[in-house]
Amino acid sequence: MNRTLYMQVLDYDRFSRDDPIGEICLPLNDLDLTTGQTMWRALQPCKGHMGKLGEALISLCYQPTVGRITVVIMKCRDLKSKDINGYSDPYVKIWLMHDGKKVEKKKTATKERDLNPVFNESFVFNVPYERVRQTSLIISVMDYDRLGRNELIGQVVLGSKSGPMEVKHWNEMFAKSRQPVAQWHLLKDFR
C-alpha cells in the first residue's frame, strides 16, 4: 500500500545514452490490482532534467574486505556552456554522504575551455561494509570562475535511493565487487 510504481519513457540512441522523454509515478494504493485495466496518464518532465546538461562517465569499485569505494571520474561529454565564450572550465566535486550528511569532499583538476573534458582521476573513500546502505555519493560537475562563484553544470547522485539508472550502477558495484564498473550518467539539476 505504500509502494509507488515509477516508469520512465526513453528515446533509444544506438551510439550514445538514451534520452529521457518523460516519467510517471503511480502510487499502488490508488490502483485496483485485482482487475486488469488500461489507463492513460500524461507523462511529466523527468525530475532534474531541465535541458541538456551533459553526461559523465564514472567508474565505481567496492572492496568489501577493506571497506573502500574507488571512484574514477573518467570523462564528461556535451557539457552545457556556462561562460560567455561558449565554453566552460569544468571540474568535478565528489561528496561522500552518510545518512544525508556530508562527510568528505574531493575534487578533480579544472580543465579550461572544454565541453568534453577527460579527467581519469581516481578517488578513494573509506566506507565500512555495515555503513554502505546509508552511503551515497553526490558527483557535481562545476564550472570554475575566476571572478564570482563557481556554477553548477549538473550532478549525479549515486546510492541505493537514487534514480533507476543510478541505482542500477550502484547495485552493480556490489554485484561485481573488486571490479571497476563504468557507466555514463546524465547530469541533472537538482536545485
N, C-alpha and C. Protein backbone atom coordinates (compact mmCIF):
# COMPACT_ATOMS: atom_id res chain seq x y z
N MET A 1 0.81 -1.21 0.00
CA MET A 1 0.00 0.00 0.00
C MET A 1 0.85 1.28 0.00
N ASN A 2 2.12 1.16 0.42
CA ASN A 2 2.94 2.37 0.45
C ASN A 2 4.01 2.37 -0.65
N ARG A 3 3.83 1.56 -1.69
CA ARG A 3 4.78 1.50 -2.81
C ARG A 3 4.28 2.33 -3.98
N THR A 4 5.23 2.82 -4.78
CA THR A 4 4.91 3.60 -5.97
C THR A 4 5.61 2.97 -7.16
N LEU A 5 4.87 2.82 -8.26
CA LEU A 5 5.44 2.31 -9.50
C LEU A 5 5.97 3.50 -10.29
N TYR A 6 7.26 3.46 -10.63
CA TYR A 6 7.91 4.53 -11.37
C TYR A 6 8.19 4.03 -12.79
N MET A 7 7.75 4.77 -13.81
CA MET A 7 8.02 4.42 -15.20
C MET A 7 8.62 5.62 -15.90
N GLN A 8 9.61 5.34 -16.75
CA GLN A 8 10.26 6.39 -17.50
C GLN A 8 10.27 5.98 -18.97
N VAL A 9 9.89 6.90 -19.86
CA VAL A 9 9.92 6.66 -21.30
C VAL A 9 11.20 7.29 -21.83
N LEU A 10 11.98 6.48 -22.58
CA LEU A 10 13.28 6.91 -23.08
C LEU A 10 13.30 6.93 -24.59
N ASP A 11 14.11 7.81 -25.17
CA ASP A 11 14.38 7.81 -26.60
C ASP A 11 15.65 7.00 -26.80
N TYR A 12 15.56 5.89 -27.51
CA TYR A 12 16.69 4.99 -27.72
C TYR A 12 17.71 5.64 -28.65
N ASP A 13 18.97 5.67 -28.25
CA ASP A 13 20.07 6.14 -29.07
C ASP A 13 21.07 5.00 -29.21
N ARG A 14 21.35 4.62 -30.44
CA ARG A 14 22.21 3.46 -30.68
C ARG A 14 23.65 3.67 -30.18
N PHE A 15 24.20 4.87 -30.38
CA PHE A 15 25.61 5.08 -30.07
C PHE A 15 25.88 5.99 -28.88
N SER A 16 24.84 6.42 -28.22
CA SER A 16 25.06 7.21 -27.00
C SER A 16 23.96 6.86 -26.00
N ARG A 17 23.93 7.57 -24.93
CA ARG A 17 22.99 7.27 -23.87
C ARG A 17 21.56 7.62 -24.29
N ASP A 18 20.60 6.78 -23.90
CA ASP A 18 19.20 7.04 -24.19
C ASP A 18 18.76 8.32 -23.47
N ASP A 19 17.92 9.12 -24.15
CA ASP A 19 17.45 10.38 -23.58
C ASP A 19 16.08 10.20 -22.96
N PRO A 20 15.87 10.68 -21.72
CA PRO A 20 14.54 10.59 -21.12
C PRO A 20 13.56 11.53 -21.81
N ILE A 21 12.36 11.02 -22.09
CA ILE A 21 11.30 11.82 -22.69
C ILE A 21 10.35 12.31 -21.61
N GLY A 22 9.98 11.41 -20.71
CA GLY A 22 9.07 11.77 -19.62
C GLY A 22 8.94 10.63 -18.63
N GLU A 23 8.27 10.90 -17.53
CA GLU A 23 8.12 9.88 -16.48
C GLU A 23 6.75 9.98 -15.85
N ILE A 24 6.40 8.93 -15.14
CA ILE A 24 5.14 8.91 -14.41
C ILE A 24 5.32 8.08 -13.15
N CYS A 25 4.71 8.51 -12.07
CA CYS A 25 4.71 7.78 -10.81
C CYS A 25 3.27 7.41 -10.47
N LEU A 26 3.03 6.13 -10.24
CA LEU A 26 1.68 5.66 -9.90
C LEU A 26 1.70 5.05 -8.50
N PRO A 27 1.14 5.74 -7.50
CA PRO A 27 1.04 5.13 -6.17
C PRO A 27 0.15 3.88 -6.27
N LEU A 28 0.67 2.74 -5.84
CA LEU A 28 -0.07 1.48 -5.99
C LEU A 28 -1.35 1.45 -5.14
N ASN A 29 -1.42 2.25 -4.08
CA ASN A 29 -2.64 2.25 -3.28
C ASN A 29 -3.79 2.99 -4.00
N ASP A 30 -3.49 3.68 -5.13
CA ASP A 30 -4.53 4.32 -5.94
C ASP A 30 -5.12 3.38 -6.98
N LEU A 31 -4.54 2.20 -7.13
CA LEU A 31 -4.95 1.27 -8.19
C LEU A 31 -5.65 0.05 -7.61
N ASP A 32 -6.61 -0.47 -8.37
CA ASP A 32 -7.24 -1.74 -8.02
C ASP A 32 -6.49 -2.83 -8.78
N LEU A 33 -5.60 -3.52 -8.10
CA LEU A 33 -4.74 -4.50 -8.75
C LEU A 33 -5.43 -5.85 -8.96
N THR A 34 -6.66 -5.99 -8.48
CA THR A 34 -7.37 -7.27 -8.65
C THR A 34 -8.01 -7.37 -10.03
N THR A 35 -8.14 -6.24 -10.73
CA THR A 35 -8.73 -6.27 -12.07
C THR A 35 -7.71 -5.77 -13.08
N GLY A 36 -7.74 -6.36 -14.27
CA GLY A 36 -6.89 -5.85 -15.34
C GLY A 36 -7.51 -4.59 -15.90
N GLN A 37 -6.74 -3.54 -16.01
CA GLN A 37 -7.31 -2.30 -16.52
C GLN A 37 -6.30 -1.56 -17.38
N THR A 38 -6.81 -0.82 -18.33
CA THR A 38 -5.99 0.03 -19.19
C THR A 38 -6.28 1.47 -18.81
N MET A 39 -5.20 2.26 -18.70
CA MET A 39 -5.39 3.67 -18.34
C MET A 39 -4.40 4.54 -19.09
N TRP A 40 -4.78 5.78 -19.28
CA TRP A 40 -3.91 6.76 -19.89
C TRP A 40 -3.48 7.76 -18.82
N ARG A 41 -2.21 8.10 -18.83
CA ARG A 41 -1.68 9.12 -17.93
C ARG A 41 -0.74 10.01 -18.73
N ALA A 42 -0.73 11.28 -18.42
CA ALA A 42 0.19 12.22 -19.09
C ALA A 42 1.59 12.07 -18.50
N LEU A 43 2.57 12.03 -19.37
CA LEU A 43 3.96 11.98 -18.92
C LEU A 43 4.35 13.34 -18.35
N GLN A 44 5.13 13.32 -17.29
CA GLN A 44 5.67 14.53 -16.69
C GLN A 44 7.12 14.68 -17.13
N PRO A 45 7.64 15.91 -17.20
CA PRO A 45 9.08 16.06 -17.49
C PRO A 45 9.88 15.33 -16.41
N CYS A 46 10.98 14.72 -16.81
CA CYS A 46 11.80 13.98 -15.85
C CYS A 46 12.39 14.94 -14.83
N LYS A 47 12.25 14.58 -13.56
CA LYS A 47 12.77 15.43 -12.48
C LYS A 47 14.26 15.64 -12.66
N GLY A 48 14.68 16.87 -12.46
CA GLY A 48 16.11 17.16 -12.54
C GLY A 48 16.65 17.11 -13.95
N HIS A 49 15.78 17.12 -14.97
CA HIS A 49 16.29 17.07 -16.35
C HIS A 49 15.79 18.28 -17.11
N MET A 50 16.34 19.42 -16.80
CA MET A 50 15.93 20.67 -17.45
C MET A 50 16.89 20.97 -18.59
N GLY A 51 16.62 20.43 -19.74
CA GLY A 51 17.51 20.65 -20.89
C GLY A 51 18.74 19.78 -20.79
N LYS A 52 19.56 19.85 -21.81
CA LYS A 52 20.75 19.00 -21.88
C LYS A 52 21.88 19.65 -21.09
N LEU A 53 22.34 18.96 -20.07
CA LEU A 53 23.44 19.47 -19.25
C LEU A 53 24.74 18.75 -19.54
N GLY A 54 24.64 17.58 -20.19
CA GLY A 54 25.82 16.78 -20.50
C GLY A 54 25.78 15.47 -19.75
N GLU A 55 26.86 14.70 -19.90
CA GLU A 55 26.96 13.38 -19.29
C GLU A 55 28.33 13.20 -18.67
N ALA A 56 28.40 12.29 -17.71
CA ALA A 56 29.68 11.96 -17.06
C ALA A 56 29.87 10.45 -17.07
N LEU A 57 31.06 10.01 -17.43
CA LEU A 57 31.42 8.59 -17.37
C LEU A 57 32.15 8.36 -16.06
N ILE A 58 31.52 7.54 -15.21
CA ILE A 58 32.02 7.32 -13.85
C ILE A 58 32.23 5.84 -13.63
N SER A 59 33.35 5.50 -13.01
CA SER A 59 33.63 4.11 -12.66
C SER A 59 33.59 3.97 -11.14
N LEU A 60 32.94 2.90 -10.67
CA LEU A 60 32.87 2.60 -9.24
C LEU A 60 33.46 1.22 -8.97
N CYS A 61 34.13 1.08 -7.86
CA CYS A 61 34.65 -0.22 -7.45
C CYS A 61 34.59 -0.30 -5.92
N TYR A 62 33.93 -1.34 -5.42
CA TYR A 62 33.85 -1.52 -3.96
C TYR A 62 34.66 -2.74 -3.55
N GLN A 63 35.50 -2.56 -2.54
CA GLN A 63 36.29 -3.65 -1.98
C GLN A 63 35.79 -3.89 -0.56
N PRO A 64 34.91 -4.90 -0.38
CA PRO A 64 34.27 -5.10 0.93
C PRO A 64 35.25 -5.49 2.05
N THR A 65 36.32 -6.22 1.72
CA THR A 65 37.23 -6.66 2.78
C THR A 65 37.96 -5.51 3.45
N VAL A 66 38.25 -4.44 2.68
CA VAL A 66 38.92 -3.27 3.26
C VAL A 66 37.97 -2.10 3.43
N GLY A 67 36.71 -2.24 3.01
CA GLY A 67 35.72 -1.17 3.17
C GLY A 67 36.10 0.08 2.42
N ARG A 68 36.27 -0.07 1.09
CA ARG A 68 36.74 1.07 0.30
C ARG A 68 35.97 1.17 -1.01
N ILE A 69 35.51 2.39 -1.32
CA ILE A 69 34.91 2.67 -2.63
C ILE A 69 35.92 3.51 -3.41
N THR A 70 36.27 3.03 -4.61
CA THR A 70 37.13 3.80 -5.50
C THR A 70 36.25 4.37 -6.60
N VAL A 71 36.28 5.69 -6.74
CA VAL A 71 35.51 6.40 -7.76
C VAL A 71 36.50 6.96 -8.77
N VAL A 72 36.29 6.62 -10.05
CA VAL A 72 37.13 7.20 -11.10
C VAL A 72 36.24 8.11 -11.95
N ILE A 73 36.58 9.38 -11.97
CA ILE A 73 35.91 10.33 -12.85
C ILE A 73 36.68 10.24 -14.16
N MET A 74 36.07 9.54 -15.14
CA MET A 74 36.77 9.28 -16.38
C MET A 74 36.71 10.48 -17.33
N LYS A 75 35.50 10.84 -17.73
CA LYS A 75 35.36 11.98 -18.64
C LYS A 75 33.92 12.46 -18.66
N CYS A 76 33.72 13.61 -19.27
CA CYS A 76 32.39 14.18 -19.48
C CYS A 76 32.26 14.49 -20.96
N ARG A 77 30.99 14.59 -21.40
CA ARG A 77 30.78 14.97 -22.81
C ARG A 77 29.54 15.84 -22.92
N ASP A 78 29.59 16.69 -23.94
CA ASP A 78 28.46 17.57 -24.27
C ASP A 78 28.01 18.42 -23.09
N LEU A 79 28.98 18.93 -22.32
CA LEU A 79 28.62 19.77 -21.17
C LEU A 79 27.98 21.06 -21.66
N LYS A 80 27.07 21.56 -20.85
CA LYS A 80 26.42 22.83 -21.16
C LYS A 80 27.43 23.96 -20.94
N SER A 81 27.46 24.90 -21.87
CA SER A 81 28.35 26.04 -21.76
C SER A 81 27.84 26.98 -20.67
N LYS A 82 28.74 27.45 -19.82
CA LYS A 82 28.36 28.38 -18.76
C LYS A 82 29.05 29.73 -18.90
N ASP A 83 30.04 29.81 -19.80
CA ASP A 83 30.80 31.05 -19.95
C ASP A 83 30.40 31.79 -21.21
N ILE A 84 30.66 33.09 -21.24
CA ILE A 84 30.28 33.94 -22.37
C ILE A 84 31.00 33.53 -23.65
N ASN A 85 32.16 32.86 -23.52
CA ASN A 85 32.93 32.45 -24.69
C ASN A 85 32.41 31.15 -25.31
N GLY A 86 31.30 30.62 -24.77
CA GLY A 86 30.72 29.40 -25.33
C GLY A 86 31.31 28.12 -24.76
N TYR A 87 32.18 28.24 -23.78
CA TYR A 87 32.79 27.08 -23.15
C TYR A 87 32.46 27.05 -21.66
N SER A 88 33.02 26.08 -20.98
CA SER A 88 33.02 26.01 -19.52
C SER A 88 34.43 25.62 -19.11
N ASP A 89 34.75 25.85 -17.84
CA ASP A 89 36.02 25.42 -17.26
C ASP A 89 35.68 24.38 -16.20
N PRO A 90 35.38 23.13 -16.63
CA PRO A 90 34.82 22.16 -15.70
C PRO A 90 35.83 21.49 -14.76
N TYR A 91 35.31 21.18 -13.58
CA TYR A 91 35.97 20.27 -12.64
C TYR A 91 34.84 19.49 -11.98
N VAL A 92 35.20 18.40 -11.33
CA VAL A 92 34.19 17.55 -10.70
C VAL A 92 34.45 17.49 -9.20
N LYS A 93 33.38 17.70 -8.45
CA LYS A 93 33.43 17.66 -6.98
C LYS A 93 32.63 16.45 -6.52
N ILE A 94 33.18 15.68 -5.59
CA ILE A 94 32.50 14.48 -5.07
C ILE A 94 32.32 14.63 -3.57
N TRP A 95 31.06 14.50 -3.13
CA TRP A 95 30.77 14.48 -1.69
C TRP A 95 30.38 13.07 -1.29
N LEU A 96 31.04 12.54 -0.27
CA LEU A 96 30.63 11.28 0.35
C LEU A 96 29.59 11.63 1.41
N MET A 97 28.43 10.99 1.33
CA MET A 97 27.32 11.27 2.25
C MET A 97 27.03 10.04 3.10
N HIS A 98 26.76 10.24 4.39
CA HIS A 98 26.27 9.19 5.30
C HIS A 98 24.98 9.69 5.92
N ASP A 99 23.91 8.95 5.75
CA ASP A 99 22.61 9.33 6.30
C ASP A 99 22.24 10.77 5.92
N GLY A 100 22.55 11.17 4.68
CA GLY A 100 22.20 12.50 4.20
C GLY A 100 23.11 13.62 4.66
N LYS A 101 24.17 13.30 5.40
CA LYS A 101 25.11 14.33 5.88
C LYS A 101 26.41 14.26 5.11
N LYS A 102 26.94 15.43 4.73
CA LYS A 102 28.21 15.49 4.01
C LYS A 102 29.35 15.10 4.95
N VAL A 103 30.16 14.14 4.50
CA VAL A 103 31.24 13.62 5.34
C VAL A 103 32.62 14.02 4.81
N GLU A 104 32.80 13.83 3.50
CA GLU A 104 34.13 14.05 2.93
C GLU A 104 34.00 14.55 1.49
N LYS A 105 34.87 15.51 1.10
CA LYS A 105 34.81 16.08 -0.25
C LYS A 105 36.15 15.90 -0.94
N LYS A 106 36.07 15.57 -2.26
CA LYS A 106 37.27 15.50 -3.09
C LYS A 106 36.93 16.13 -4.43
N LYS A 107 37.95 16.58 -5.17
CA LYS A 107 37.66 17.18 -6.48
C LYS A 107 38.81 16.97 -7.45
N THR A 108 38.45 17.06 -8.74
CA THR A 108 39.42 16.88 -9.82
C THR A 108 40.11 18.21 -10.11
N ALA A 109 41.07 18.14 -11.01
CA ALA A 109 41.68 19.35 -11.55
C ALA A 109 40.67 20.02 -12.49
N THR A 110 40.87 21.30 -12.77
CA THR A 110 40.00 22.05 -13.69
C THR A 110 40.54 21.93 -15.11
N LYS A 111 39.64 21.71 -16.06
CA LYS A 111 40.00 21.66 -17.48
C LYS A 111 39.47 22.94 -18.13
N GLU A 112 40.37 23.78 -18.62
CA GLU A 112 39.96 25.08 -19.15
C GLU A 112 39.37 24.97 -20.55
N ARG A 113 38.29 25.74 -20.77
CA ARG A 113 37.64 25.86 -22.08
C ARG A 113 37.41 24.50 -22.74
N ASP A 114 36.65 23.63 -22.04
CA ASP A 114 36.47 22.26 -22.53
C ASP A 114 35.07 21.76 -22.20
N LEU A 115 34.29 21.42 -23.21
CA LEU A 115 32.95 20.87 -23.00
C LEU A 115 32.95 19.35 -23.06
N ASN A 116 34.12 18.75 -23.37
CA ASN A 116 34.27 17.28 -23.40
C ASN A 116 35.56 16.89 -22.68
N PRO A 117 35.69 17.25 -21.40
CA PRO A 117 36.95 17.03 -20.69
C PRO A 117 37.21 15.56 -20.35
N VAL A 118 38.48 15.20 -20.39
CA VAL A 118 38.92 13.87 -19.94
C VAL A 118 39.68 14.09 -18.64
N PHE A 119 39.21 13.45 -17.56
CA PHE A 119 39.83 13.61 -16.24
C PHE A 119 40.70 12.41 -15.87
N ASN A 120 40.12 11.21 -15.92
CA ASN A 120 40.80 9.98 -15.50
C ASN A 120 41.48 10.15 -14.13
N GLU A 121 40.70 10.66 -13.19
CA GLU A 121 41.21 10.85 -11.82
C GLU A 121 40.48 9.91 -10.88
N SER A 122 41.26 9.32 -9.98
CA SER A 122 40.74 8.29 -9.06
C SER A 122 40.69 8.83 -7.63
N PHE A 123 39.60 8.49 -6.92
CA PHE A 123 39.43 8.94 -5.53
C PHE A 123 38.99 7.75 -4.69
N VAL A 124 39.54 7.65 -3.49
CA VAL A 124 39.22 6.53 -2.61
C VAL A 124 38.50 7.07 -1.37
N PHE A 125 37.39 6.41 -1.03
CA PHE A 125 36.62 6.74 0.17
C PHE A 125 36.52 5.50 1.03
N ASN A 126 36.81 5.64 2.32
CA ASN A 126 36.68 4.52 3.24
C ASN A 126 35.25 4.42 3.73
N VAL A 127 34.60 3.30 3.41
CA VAL A 127 33.21 3.07 3.79
C VAL A 127 33.10 1.63 4.30
N PRO A 128 33.01 1.45 5.63
CA PRO A 128 32.86 0.10 6.16
C PRO A 128 31.60 -0.57 5.60
N TYR A 129 31.66 -1.86 5.42
CA TYR A 129 30.57 -2.61 4.80
C TYR A 129 29.23 -2.35 5.49
N GLU A 130 29.23 -2.25 6.83
CA GLU A 130 27.98 -2.06 7.56
C GLU A 130 27.38 -0.66 7.36
N ARG A 131 28.13 0.28 6.78
CA ARG A 131 27.61 1.64 6.54
C ARG A 131 27.26 1.90 5.09
N VAL A 132 27.50 0.92 4.23
CA VAL A 132 27.32 1.11 2.79
C VAL A 132 25.89 1.47 2.42
N ARG A 133 24.90 0.87 3.04
CA ARG A 133 23.50 1.12 2.69
C ARG A 133 23.06 2.54 3.03
N GLN A 134 23.72 3.19 3.97
CA GLN A 134 23.39 4.58 4.33
C GLN A 134 24.29 5.58 3.60
N THR A 135 25.09 5.08 2.65
CA THR A 135 26.07 5.91 1.96
C THR A 135 25.57 6.29 0.58
N SER A 136 25.89 7.49 0.16
CA SER A 136 25.66 7.90 -1.23
C SER A 136 26.78 8.86 -1.64
N LEU A 137 26.88 9.08 -2.93
CA LEU A 137 27.88 9.99 -3.48
C LEU A 137 27.16 11.06 -4.30
N ILE A 138 27.47 12.32 -4.03
CA ILE A 138 26.97 13.41 -4.87
C ILE A 138 28.14 13.84 -5.75
N ILE A 139 27.97 13.64 -7.05
CA ILE A 139 29.02 13.97 -8.01
C ILE A 139 28.55 15.18 -8.81
N SER A 140 29.20 16.31 -8.59
CA SER A 140 28.80 17.58 -9.21
C SER A 140 29.84 18.03 -10.23
N VAL A 141 29.39 18.31 -11.45
CA VAL A 141 30.27 18.90 -12.45
C VAL A 141 30.08 20.41 -12.35
N MET A 142 31.17 21.10 -12.07
CA MET A 142 31.13 22.52 -11.79
C MET A 142 31.89 23.29 -12.87
N ASP A 143 31.52 24.56 -13.06
CA ASP A 143 32.25 25.47 -13.94
C ASP A 143 33.04 26.43 -13.06
N TYR A 144 34.37 26.37 -13.18
CA TYR A 144 35.23 27.24 -12.39
C TYR A 144 35.18 28.66 -12.95
N ASP A 145 35.01 29.63 -12.09
CA ASP A 145 35.05 31.04 -12.47
C ASP A 145 36.08 31.77 -11.63
N ARG A 146 36.96 32.52 -12.30
CA ARG A 146 37.98 33.28 -11.58
C ARG A 146 37.34 34.37 -10.72
N LEU A 147 36.32 35.00 -11.28
CA LEU A 147 35.60 36.05 -10.55
C LEU A 147 34.21 35.54 -10.22
N GLY A 148 33.80 35.68 -8.99
CA GLY A 148 32.46 35.23 -8.61
C GLY A 148 32.44 33.77 -8.23
N ARG A 149 31.23 33.25 -8.09
CA ARG A 149 31.05 31.88 -7.62
C ARG A 149 31.15 30.88 -8.76
N ASN A 150 31.67 29.70 -8.44
CA ASN A 150 31.67 28.61 -9.41
C ASN A 150 30.22 28.17 -9.60
N GLU A 151 29.86 27.80 -10.83
CA GLU A 151 28.48 27.43 -11.14
C GLU A 151 28.33 25.93 -11.32
N LEU A 152 27.20 25.41 -10.87
CA LEU A 152 26.88 24.01 -11.10
C LEU A 152 26.45 23.82 -12.55
N ILE A 153 27.08 22.87 -13.25
CA ILE A 153 26.63 22.50 -14.59
C ILE A 153 25.56 21.42 -14.45
N GLY A 154 25.83 20.41 -13.63
CA GLY A 154 24.87 19.34 -13.38
C GLY A 154 25.47 18.34 -12.42
N GLN A 155 24.61 17.45 -11.91
CA GLN A 155 25.12 16.48 -10.95
C GLN A 155 24.40 15.14 -11.05
N VAL A 156 25.02 14.16 -10.40
CA VAL A 156 24.50 12.80 -10.32
C VAL A 156 24.58 12.39 -8.87
N VAL A 157 23.52 11.76 -8.37
CA VAL A 157 23.55 11.20 -7.02
C VAL A 157 23.55 9.68 -7.15
N LEU A 158 24.60 9.05 -6.65
CA LEU A 158 24.72 7.60 -6.71
C LEU A 158 24.50 7.03 -5.32
N GLY A 159 23.58 6.09 -5.23
CA GLY A 159 23.27 5.46 -3.95
C GLY A 159 22.08 4.54 -4.12
N SER A 160 21.66 3.92 -3.03
CA SER A 160 20.56 2.95 -3.10
C SER A 160 19.20 3.62 -3.24
N LYS A 161 19.13 4.96 -3.06
CA LYS A 161 17.84 5.66 -3.14
C LYS A 161 17.82 6.70 -4.26
N SER A 162 18.65 6.51 -5.28
CA SER A 162 18.71 7.45 -6.40
C SER A 162 17.71 7.06 -7.47
N GLY A 163 17.86 7.65 -8.67
CA GLY A 163 17.01 7.29 -9.80
C GLY A 163 17.36 5.90 -10.31
N PRO A 164 16.53 5.34 -11.22
CA PRO A 164 16.71 3.96 -11.65
C PRO A 164 18.07 3.65 -12.27
N MET A 165 18.61 4.54 -13.11
CA MET A 165 19.90 4.27 -13.75
C MET A 165 21.04 4.37 -12.73
N GLU A 166 20.90 5.29 -11.78
CA GLU A 166 21.93 5.46 -10.76
C GLU A 166 21.93 4.27 -9.80
N VAL A 167 20.74 3.81 -9.42
CA VAL A 167 20.64 2.64 -8.53
C VAL A 167 21.20 1.39 -9.22
N LYS A 168 20.94 1.27 -10.51
CA LYS A 168 21.46 0.12 -11.29
C LYS A 168 22.99 0.08 -11.20
N HIS A 169 23.63 1.24 -11.40
CA HIS A 169 25.10 1.31 -11.32
C HIS A 169 25.59 1.00 -9.90
N TRP A 170 24.92 1.57 -8.91
CA TRP A 170 25.29 1.37 -7.51
C TRP A 170 25.21 -0.12 -7.14
N ASN A 171 24.12 -0.77 -7.55
CA ASN A 171 23.94 -2.19 -7.23
C ASN A 171 24.93 -3.07 -7.98
N GLU A 172 25.26 -2.67 -9.21
CA GLU A 172 26.23 -3.43 -10.00
C GLU A 172 27.61 -3.36 -9.35
N MET A 173 27.92 -2.23 -8.69
CA MET A 173 29.19 -2.09 -7.98
C MET A 173 29.33 -3.18 -6.91
N PHE A 174 28.21 -3.51 -6.23
CA PHE A 174 28.25 -4.56 -5.20
C PHE A 174 28.25 -5.94 -5.82
N ALA A 175 27.46 -6.12 -6.88
CA ALA A 175 27.38 -7.43 -7.53
C ALA A 175 28.73 -7.84 -8.12
N LYS A 176 29.51 -6.86 -8.56
CA LYS A 176 30.83 -7.14 -9.14
C LYS A 176 31.91 -6.54 -8.26
N SER A 177 31.84 -6.82 -6.97
CA SER A 177 32.82 -6.23 -6.05
C SER A 177 34.24 -6.60 -6.47
N ARG A 178 35.14 -5.69 -6.18
CA ARG A 178 36.55 -5.76 -6.54
C ARG A 178 36.81 -5.55 -8.03
N GLN A 179 35.76 -5.25 -8.81
CA GLN A 179 35.91 -4.96 -10.24
C GLN A 179 35.38 -3.56 -10.53
N PRO A 180 36.10 -2.76 -11.30
CA PRO A 180 35.58 -1.45 -11.67
C PRO A 180 34.38 -1.61 -12.62
N VAL A 181 33.32 -0.83 -12.37
CA VAL A 181 32.12 -0.84 -13.20
C VAL A 181 31.88 0.59 -13.66
N ALA A 182 31.96 0.81 -14.98
CA ALA A 182 31.81 2.17 -15.52
C ALA A 182 30.44 2.32 -16.17
N GLN A 183 29.89 3.54 -16.07
CA GLN A 183 28.59 3.82 -16.68
C GLN A 183 28.48 5.32 -16.96
N TRP A 184 27.83 5.66 -18.09
CA TRP A 184 27.52 7.05 -18.39
C TRP A 184 26.29 7.47 -17.59
N HIS A 185 26.31 8.68 -17.07
CA HIS A 185 25.18 9.22 -16.33
C HIS A 185 24.80 10.58 -16.89
N LEU A 186 23.50 10.79 -17.11
CA LEU A 186 23.02 12.11 -17.50
C LEU A 186 23.14 13.04 -16.31
N LEU A 187 23.66 14.23 -16.53
CA LEU A 187 23.75 15.22 -15.46
C LEU A 187 22.37 15.85 -15.28
N LYS A 188 22.02 16.11 -14.03
CA LYS A 188 20.72 16.70 -13.69
C LYS A 188 20.94 17.95 -12.86
N ASP A 189 19.91 18.76 -12.80
CA ASP A 189 19.95 19.98 -11.99
C ASP A 189 18.93 19.80 -10.87
N PHE A 190 19.40 19.62 -9.63
CA PHE A 190 18.51 19.33 -8.50
C PHE A 190 18.14 20.59 -7.73
N ARG A 191 18.53 21.78 -8.22
CA ARG A 191 18.23 23.00 -7.46
C ARG A 191 16.75 23.30 -7.48
